[in-house]
Amino acid sequence: MQKSFKALNIKCGGCANTIKKALADEFGEIDIDLTQEPRVVTLEIKDKEAGLVFRKKMRLLGYPLEDENLGSFTKGGLKAKSFISCAIGKINQN
């Protein structure tokens, strides 16, 4: 089923590229709406377990979902991680 999630720290096409490349094998086509804030990520989520895997992978990339309850220290660390993910995404853009 197609589901949409509001994600934090996504700033540009480099961020979107990183997310799409990191998750494509497991989730297929991913759409990221860069016109909304927070950004909206839409993809195929087959079951609850896939939803949890998606959340975990987004957090590992530095892009937590808006509904996650995170402390300010964790948010700061994820924001720094997202800058690195973004830079990698910009380098790897085709």
C-alpha atoms as a PDB file:
ATOM      1  CA  MET A   1       0.000   0.000   0.000  1.00  0.00           C
ATOM      2  CA  GLN A   2       1.289   3.488  -0.853  1.00  0.00           C
ATOM      3  CA  LYS A   3       1.957   5.463   2.322  1.00  0.00           C
ATOM      4  CA  SER A   4       3.244   8.982   2.870  1.00  0.00           C
ATOM      5  CA  PHE A   5       5.421  10.119   5.749  1.00  0.00           C
ATOM      6  CA  LYS A   6       6.578  13.574   6.816  1.00  0.00           C
ATOM      7  CA  ALA A   7      10.359  13.519   7.221  1.00  0.00           C
ATOM      8  CA  LEU A   8      12.708  16.016   8.849  1.00  0.00           C
ATOM      9  CA  ASN A   9      16.100  17.338   7.677  1.00  0.00           C
ATOM     10  CA  ILE A  10      15.457  16.783   3.945  1.00  0.00           C
ATOM     11  CA  LYS A  11      16.619  19.997   2.300  1.00  0.00           C
ATOM     12  CA  CYS A  12      17.342  19.354  -1.375  1.00  0.00           C
ATOM     13  CA  GLY A  13      17.700  16.975  -4.281  1.00  0.00           C
ATOM     14  CA  GLY A  14      20.943  15.618  -2.805  1.00  0.00           C
ATOM     15  CA  CYS A  15      19.059  14.459   0.290  1.00  0.00           C
ATOM     16  CA  ALA A  16      16.308  12.973  -1.872  1.00  0.00           C
ATOM     17  CA  ASN A  17      18.876  11.172  -4.029  1.00  0.00           C
ATOM     18  CA  THR A  18      20.521   9.602  -0.964  1.00  0.00           C
ATOM     19  CA  ILE A  19      17.179   8.360   0.354  1.00  0.00           C
ATOM     20  CA  LYS A  20      16.073   6.959  -3.001  1.00  0.00           C
ATOM     21  CA  LYS A  21      19.351   5.110  -3.588  1.00  0.00           C
ATOM     22  CA  ALA A  22      19.562   3.751  -0.036  1.00  0.00           C
ATOM     23  CA  LEU A  23      16.002   2.436   0.005  1.00  0.00           C
ATOM     24  CA  ALA A  24      15.278   1.530  -3.643  1.00  0.00           C
ATOM     25  CA  ASP A  25      16.220  -2.164  -3.405  1.00  0.00           C
ATOM     26  CA  GLU A  26      13.869  -2.763  -0.506  1.00  0.00           C
ATOM     27  CA  PHE A  27      11.022  -0.343  -1.237  1.00  0.00           C
ATOM     28  CA  GLY A  28      11.103   0.260  -4.994  1.00  0.00           C
ATOM     29  CA  GLU A  29      10.149   3.654  -6.363  1.00  0.00           C
ATOM     30  CA  ILE A  30      10.164   6.444  -3.808  1.00  0.00           C
ATOM     31  CA  ASP A  31       8.672   9.886  -4.327  1.00  0.00           C
ATOM     32  CA  ILE A  32       9.913  12.832  -2.262  1.00  0.00           C
ATOM     33  CA  ASP A  33       7.952  16.081  -2.414  1.00  0.00           C
ATOM     34  CA  LEU A  34      10.474  18.882  -1.964  1.00  0.00           C
ATOM     35  CA  THR A  35       7.772  21.584  -2.188  1.00  0.00           C
ATOM     36  CA  GLN A  36       6.317  20.892   1.270  1.00  0.00           C
ATOM     37  CA  GLU A  37       7.825  21.417   4.702  1.00  0.00           C
ATOM     38  CA  PRO A  38       8.320  18.992   6.316  1.00  0.00           C
ATOM     39  CA  ARG A  39       9.104  17.018   3.176  1.00  0.00           C
ATOM     40  CA  VAL A  40       6.739  14.191   2.254  1.00  0.00           C
ATOM     41  CA  VAL A  41       8.167  10.773   1.354  1.00  0.00           C
ATOM     42  CA  THR A  42       5.771   8.397  -0.419  1.00  0.00           C
ATOM     43  CA  LEU A  43       6.542   4.742  -1.015  1.00  0.00           C
ATOM     44  CA  GLU A  44       5.137   1.218  -0.968  1.00  0.00           C
ATOM     45  CA  ILE A  45       4.867  -0.180   2.563  1.00  0.00           C
ATOM     46  CA  LYS A  46       3.668  -3.798   2.536  1.00  0.00           C
ATOM     47  CA  ASP A  47       3.167  -4.390   6.257  1.00  0.00           C
ATOM     48  CA  LYS A  48       3.900  -3.100   9.751  1.00  0.00           C
ATOM     49  CA  GLU A  49       7.380  -4.659   9.763  1.00  0.00           C
ATOM     50  CA  ALA A  50       8.292  -2.862   6.514  1.00  0.00           C
ATOM     51  CA  GLY A  51       7.105   0.376   8.092  1.00  0.00           C
ATOM     52  CA  LEU A  52       9.419  -0.142  11.049  1.00  0.00           C
ATOM     53  CA  VAL A  53      12.357  -0.959   8.756  1.00  0.00           C
ATOM     54  CA  PHE A  54      11.655   2.218   6.767  1.00  0.00           C
ATOM     55  CA  ARG A  55      11.620   4.338   9.935  1.00  0.00           C
ATOM     56  CA  LYS A  56      14.890   2.812  11.146  1.00  0.00           C
ATOM     57  CA  LYS A  57      16.656   3.302   7.807  1.00  0.00           C
ATOM     58  CA  MET A  58      15.481   6.907   7.532  1.00  0.00           C
ATOM     59  CA  ARG A  59      16.830   7.605  11.031  1.00  0.00           C
ATOM     60  CA  LEU A  60      20.152   5.940  10.157  1.00  0.00           C
ATOM     61  CA  LEU A  61      20.472   8.299   7.171  1.00  0.00           C
ATOM     62  CA  GLY A  62      19.724  11.321   9.411  1.00  0.00           C
ATOM     63  CA  TYR A  63      16.127  11.850   8.256  1.00  0.00           C
ATOM     64  CA  PRO A  64      13.773  10.960  11.139  1.00  0.00           C
ATOM     65  CA  LEU A  65      10.026  11.070  10.653  1.00  0.00           C
ATOM     66  CA  GLU A  66       8.113  14.004  12.087  1.00  0.00           C
ATOM     67  CA  ASP A  67       6.037  11.870  14.468  1.00  0.00           C
ATOM     68  CA  GLU A  68       9.074  10.389  16.265  1.00  0.00           C
ATOM     69  CA  ASN A  69       9.631  11.536  19.826  1.00  0.00           C
ATOM     70  CA  LEU A  70      13.320  12.466  19.878  1.00  0.00           C
ATOM     71  CA  GLY A  71      15.341  14.417  22.399  1.00  0.00           C
ATOM     72  CA  SER A  72      17.183  17.584  21.383  1.00  0.00           C
ATOM     73  CA  PHE A  73      20.583  15.852  21.535  1.00  0.00           C
ATOM     74  CA  THR A  74      19.366  13.086  19.211  1.00  0.00           C
ATOM     75  CA  LYS A  75      17.777  15.624  16.852  1.00  0.00           C
ATOM     76  CA  GLY A  76      21.071  17.535  16.657  1.00  0.00           C
ATOM     77  CA  GLY A  77      23.026  14.364  15.889  1.00  0.00           C
ATOM     78  CA  LEU A  78      20.566  13.353  13.181  1.00  0.00           C
ATOM     79  CA  LYS A  79      20.722  16.814  11.633  1.00  0.00           C
ATOM     80  CA  ALA A  80      24.532  16.544  11.411  1.00  0.00           C
ATOM     81  CA  LYS A  81      24.225  13.059   9.901  1.00  0.00           C
ATOM     82  CA  SER A  82      21.749  14.391   7.324  1.00  0.00           C
ATOM     83  CA  PHE A  83      24.328  16.950   6.119  1.00  0.00           C
ATOM     84  CA  ILE A  84      26.719  14.093   5.343  1.00  0.00           C
ATOM     85  CA  SER A  85      23.983  12.071   3.628  1.00  0.00           C
ATOM     86  CA  CYS A  86      23.052  15.148   1.593  1.00  0.00           C
ATOM     87  CA  ALA A  87      26.640  15.702   0.468  1.00  0.00           C
ATOM     88  CA  ILE A  88      26.943  12.076  -0.602  1.00  0.00           C
ATOM     89  CA  GLY A  89      23.663  12.383  -2.502  1.00  0.00           C
ATOM     90  CA  LYS A  90      24.913  15.481  -4.331  1.00  0.00           C
ATOM     91  CA  ILE A  91      28.141  13.739  -5.331  1.00  0.00           C
ATOM     92  CA  ASN A  92      26.280  10.657  -6.582  1.00  0.00           C
ATOM     93  CA  GLN A  93      23.618  12.507  -8.589  1.00  0.00           C
ATOM     94  CA  ASN A  94      23.479  11.420 -12.211  1.00  0.00           C
END
